[in-house]
Protein backbone atom coordinates (compact mmCIF):
# COMPACT_ATOMS: atom_id res chain seq x y z
CA MET A 1 -29.58 90.74 102.00
CA ASP A 2 -26.71 89.09 100.17
CA ALA A 3 -23.06 89.97 100.67
CA LEU A 4 -21.72 92.90 98.66
CA VAL A 5 -18.60 92.72 96.50
CA GLY A 6 -16.53 95.85 96.02
CA ALA A 7 -14.47 96.84 93.00
CA SER A 8 -11.41 95.41 94.75
CA GLY A 9 -13.07 92.00 94.93
CA ARG A 10 -13.44 92.29 98.70
CA THR A 11 -16.64 90.76 100.09
CA PHE A 12 -18.62 93.00 102.45
CA THR A 13 -21.17 91.94 105.05
CA PRO A 14 -24.34 94.06 104.80
CA ILE A 15 -24.75 96.77 107.44
CA PRO A 16 -28.30 96.71 108.93
CA ILE A 17 -29.38 100.15 107.73
CA ASP A 18 -33.18 100.48 107.89
CA SER A 19 -34.01 103.36 105.56
CA SER A 20 -37.64 103.40 106.69
CA ARG A 21 -36.40 104.57 110.13
CA GLY A 22 -35.37 107.82 108.48
CA PHE A 23 -32.29 109.93 108.86
CA PRO A 24 -30.53 110.63 111.10
CA GLN A 25 -30.30 107.16 112.56
CA SER A 26 -27.99 105.28 114.87
CA PHE A 27 -27.55 101.60 115.67
CA PRO A 28 -25.04 99.16 117.18
CA LEU A 29 -23.36 96.42 115.15
CA LEU A 30 -21.34 93.47 116.41
CA PHE A 31 -18.80 92.58 113.71
CA ALA A 32 -15.79 90.25 113.96
CA GLY A 33 -16.06 90.19 117.74
CA ARG A 34 -16.06 93.97 118.16
CA ALA A 35 -18.91 96.32 119.01
CA TYR A 36 -19.39 99.26 116.64
CA GLN A 37 -21.84 102.14 116.80
CA PHE A 38 -23.01 103.57 113.46
CA ARG A 39 -24.50 107.03 112.99
CA LEU A 40 -25.85 108.21 109.64
CA TYR A 41 -27.21 111.56 108.63
CA VAL A 42 -27.94 113.36 105.39
CA ASN A 43 -26.87 116.92 104.68
CA VAL A 44 -29.22 118.54 102.16
CA PRO A 45 -29.46 122.15 100.94
CA ALA A 46 -32.77 123.80 101.84
CA ALA A 47 -33.64 124.24 98.14
CA SER A 48 -33.75 120.43 97.77
CA LEU A 49 -36.49 120.19 100.40
CA LYS A 50 -39.17 122.11 98.48
CA ASP A 51 -40.63 118.97 96.90
CA GLU A 52 -41.51 116.71 99.82
CA THR A 53 -42.18 113.79 97.45
CA ALA A 54 -38.66 113.93 95.97
CA VAL A 55 -36.17 111.10 96.28
CA ILE A 56 -32.54 112.20 96.08
CA ASP A 57 -29.68 110.03 94.81
CA LEU A 58 -26.63 110.92 96.88
CA PRO A 59 -24.21 112.54 96.56
CA SER A 60 -25.95 115.20 94.50
CA GLU A 61 -25.82 119.01 94.23
CA GLY A 62 -24.60 119.67 97.77
CA ALA A 63 -26.52 116.76 99.31
CA PHE A 64 -24.52 113.91 100.83
CA LEU A 65 -24.60 111.09 103.36
CA VAL A 66 -22.34 111.29 106.40
CA ILE A 67 -21.29 108.15 108.25
CA GLN A 68 -19.69 107.97 111.70
CA VAL A 69 -18.44 104.66 113.06
CA GLU A 70 -17.22 104.26 116.62
CA VAL A 71 -15.64 101.15 118.13
CA GLU A 72 -16.12 100.17 121.76
CA MET A 73 -12.84 99.85 123.59
CA PRO A 74 -12.06 97.35 126.40
CA ASP A 75 -12.58 100.11 129.03
CA ALA A 76 -16.13 100.72 127.63
CA THR A 77 -15.21 104.04 126.02
CA ARG A 78 -15.74 104.59 122.30
CA GLN A 79 -13.28 105.79 119.70
CA ILE A 80 -14.23 107.20 116.32
CA ARG A 81 -12.92 104.95 113.55
CA PHE A 82 -14.58 106.65 110.61
CA LEU A 83 -16.27 110.02 110.07
CA ARG A 84 -16.86 111.45 106.61
CA LYS A 85 -19.28 112.10 103.81
CA VAL A 86 -19.34 109.07 101.56
CA VAL A 87 -19.33 108.55 97.81
CA THR A 88 -21.22 105.74 96.09
CA ASP A 89 -19.18 102.57 95.51
CA LEU A 90 -15.91 103.97 96.87
CA GLU A 91 -14.26 101.54 99.28
CA TYR A 92 -13.07 103.14 102.51
CA GLU A 93 -10.43 101.70 104.85
CA ALA A 94 -10.44 102.74 108.50
CA GLU A 95 -8.04 101.02 110.89
CA ASP A 96 -9.03 97.31 110.82
CA ILE A 97 -12.28 97.61 108.81
CA ALA A 98 -13.34 98.49 105.28
CA LEU A 99 -16.66 100.09 104.38
CA ILE A 100 -18.68 100.57 101.19
CA PHE A 101 -22.00 102.35 100.48
CA PRO A 102 -23.11 101.38 96.94
CA ARG A 103 -26.66 102.72 97.18
CA GLN A 104 -27.60 106.08 98.70
CA ARG A 105 -31.13 107.09 97.83
CA VAL A 106 -33.05 109.18 100.36
CA ALA A 107 -36.62 110.44 100.24
CA VAL A 108 -37.17 113.97 101.51
CA ARG A 109 -39.93 112.59 103.77
CA ASN A 110 -37.31 110.36 105.46
CA LEU A 111 -35.28 113.36 106.56
CA ASN A 112 -36.30 113.56 110.23
CA GLY A 113 -39.24 111.28 109.43
CA GLN A 114 -40.00 107.57 109.39
CA GLY A 115 -41.90 105.50 106.85
CA ASP A 116 -41.60 103.76 103.50
CA PHE A 117 -41.09 106.63 101.07
CA GLY A 118 -38.55 105.11 98.67
CA SER A 119 -35.32 105.61 100.60
CA GLN A 120 -32.69 102.94 100.14
CA VAL A 121 -29.26 103.19 101.74
CA ILE A 122 -27.09 100.09 101.47
CA GLY A 123 -23.74 99.65 103.16
CA GLY A 124 -21.23 96.91 103.82
CA ILE A 125 -18.43 96.19 106.26
CA ALA A 126 -15.43 93.89 105.94
CA LEU A 127 -12.18 93.20 107.70
CA ARG A 128 -9.49 95.30 106.10
CA TRP A 129 -6.86 92.58 105.98
CA ALA A 130 -9.05 89.51 105.44
């Protein structure tokens, strides 16, 4: 995937989100010499789950994507750098990093399920002061 460019002109490195793994999902990422742990989950009202073939563009009618990012510290502990529901295309700054999530499309079948059902979540990370 190519680099992402935010509204600020900042260039973001793609985050390796694999939507076919479903949600929630968690993975490590080494970026700019630091180890980060990403956790993603989708909060969806029960009424949105009735049609199991539906694909939901987030955020939408009470449904949203939540991202948690932890950084590994020198003593091997982790500290939360970012934890919030995210809005499409909004650039977030958290300590020394910036994050963006321009595409948030999740298939109902990918909620607690894996497979290619049309989900597509795209995110990017950049150094805040680069």
